Amino acid sequence: MSTVMEFDFVSFNSRQHALFFHQILESNGYKTKVISTPKGVSLGCGLSLSFPSIITPYIIDIYKKSNVPVMGFYSIRRVGNSNQLSRIPIY
C-alpha cells in the first residue's frame, strides 16, 4: 500500500523572503516547515514553507497583509513516488 501525504506550500524568490515570512507566521502562532521546493515548481530560490492545508486561508490572509514577495501558493499530494501538484489561486 502506497503512502499518501498532502500539504500546501508557498515558494519564494529569495531565501531571505522565505525565512522572513517563516518568522512572521511563527509570530502569529502558525507552525511551518522550511523545505526544499518540490519538483514541478522550478522557479524561485529553492526554499519553500510547508503547512497543513487546513490553515492555508489564514496563511494567505497574513501574506496579503505582509507584502512579502512570493512565487506562489501550491498544493501537493504525494502517493508513493508520484506527485500531483496544483497552484492555489489567491484572490
Protein backbone atom coordinates (compact mmCIF):
# COMPACT_ATOMS: atom_id res chain seq x y z
CA MET A 1 0.00 0.00 0.00
CA SER A 2 1.38 3.43 -1.01
CA THR A 3 1.86 6.21 1.49
CA VAL A 4 -0.24 9.32 0.84
CA MET A 5 0.99 12.72 2.02
CA GLU A 6 -0.82 16.01 1.41
CA PHE A 7 0.26 19.54 2.30
CA ASP A 8 0.33 23.06 0.93
CA PHE A 9 3.39 25.24 0.46
CA VAL A 10 4.47 28.68 -0.62
CA SER A 11 7.59 29.30 -2.72
CA PHE A 12 9.75 32.41 -2.79
CA ASN A 13 12.11 34.42 -4.99
CA SER A 14 14.75 34.64 -2.27
CA ARG A 15 15.89 32.75 0.79
CA GLN A 16 15.60 35.93 2.86
CA HIS A 17 11.92 36.28 1.95
CA ALA A 18 11.28 32.62 2.86
CA LEU A 19 12.94 32.96 6.28
CA PHE A 20 11.31 36.33 6.97
CA PHE A 21 7.82 35.03 6.15
CA HIS A 22 8.52 31.95 8.29
CA GLN A 23 9.23 34.30 11.23
CA ILE A 24 6.06 36.30 10.55
CA LEU A 25 3.95 33.14 10.55
CA GLU A 26 5.55 31.82 13.74
CA SER A 27 4.96 35.15 15.50
CA ASN A 28 1.28 34.77 14.53
CA GLY A 29 1.16 31.26 16.02
CA TYR A 30 1.38 29.20 12.79
CA LYS A 31 3.90 26.37 12.57
CA THR A 32 5.51 25.93 9.18
CA LYS A 33 8.49 23.93 7.94
CA VAL A 34 11.24 25.27 5.73
CA ILE A 35 11.60 22.72 2.91
CA SER A 36 13.31 22.38 -0.44
CA THR A 37 10.86 23.44 -3.11
CA PRO A 38 9.24 20.29 -4.54
CA LYS A 39 9.95 19.30 -8.14
CA GLY A 40 7.42 20.78 -10.51
CA VAL A 41 7.95 24.32 -9.22
CA SER A 42 11.19 25.20 -10.94
CA LEU A 43 11.02 28.90 -10.19
CA GLY A 44 12.37 30.69 -7.15
CA CYS A 45 15.21 30.29 -4.70
CA GLY A 46 14.73 26.62 -3.88
CA LEU A 47 13.20 27.18 -0.43
CA SER A 48 9.52 26.92 0.44
CA LEU A 49 7.39 26.83 3.55
CA SER A 50 5.06 23.87 4.03
CA PHE A 51 1.94 23.74 6.20
CA PRO A 52 -1.27 21.74 6.61
CA SER A 53 -3.96 22.54 4.03
CA ILE A 54 -6.44 23.42 6.77
CA ILE A 55 -4.53 26.61 7.67
CA THR A 56 -3.91 27.79 4.09
CA PRO A 57 -6.63 30.50 4.15
CA TYR A 58 -5.03 32.01 7.28
CA ILE A 59 -1.54 31.88 5.73
CA ILE A 60 -2.84 33.63 2.60
CA ASP A 61 -4.50 36.30 4.74
CA ILE A 62 -1.21 37.01 6.55
CA TYR A 63 0.60 37.03 3.20
CA LYS A 64 -1.76 39.70 1.85
CA LYS A 65 -1.03 41.90 4.88
CA SER A 66 2.74 41.32 4.90
CA ASN A 67 3.78 42.38 1.38
CA VAL A 68 6.46 39.65 1.32
CA PRO A 69 7.06 38.69 -2.33
CA VAL A 70 6.20 35.07 -3.15
CA MET A 71 6.36 32.95 -6.31
CA GLY A 72 3.06 31.26 -5.50
CA PHE A 73 0.99 29.01 -3.27
CA TYR A 74 0.68 25.34 -4.16
CA SER A 75 -0.97 22.13 -3.00
CA ILE A 76 0.81 18.81 -3.33
CA ARG A 77 -0.39 15.26 -2.96
CA ARG A 78 2.25 12.56 -2.88
CA VAL A 79 1.20 8.98 -3.49
CA GLY A 80 4.23 6.72 -3.32
CA ASN A 81 6.75 8.26 -5.73
CA SER A 82 4.15 10.25 -7.69
CA ASN A 83 3.36 13.95 -7.07
CA GLN A 84 0.16 15.76 -8.01
CA LEU A 85 0.85 19.49 -7.90
CA SER A 86 -1.68 22.31 -8.28
CA ARG A 87 -1.44 26.05 -7.90
CA ILE A 88 -3.69 27.70 -5.30
CA PRO A 89 -5.35 30.85 -6.65
CA ILE A 90 -5.00 33.93 -4.45
CA TYR A 91 -7.79 36.49 -4.63
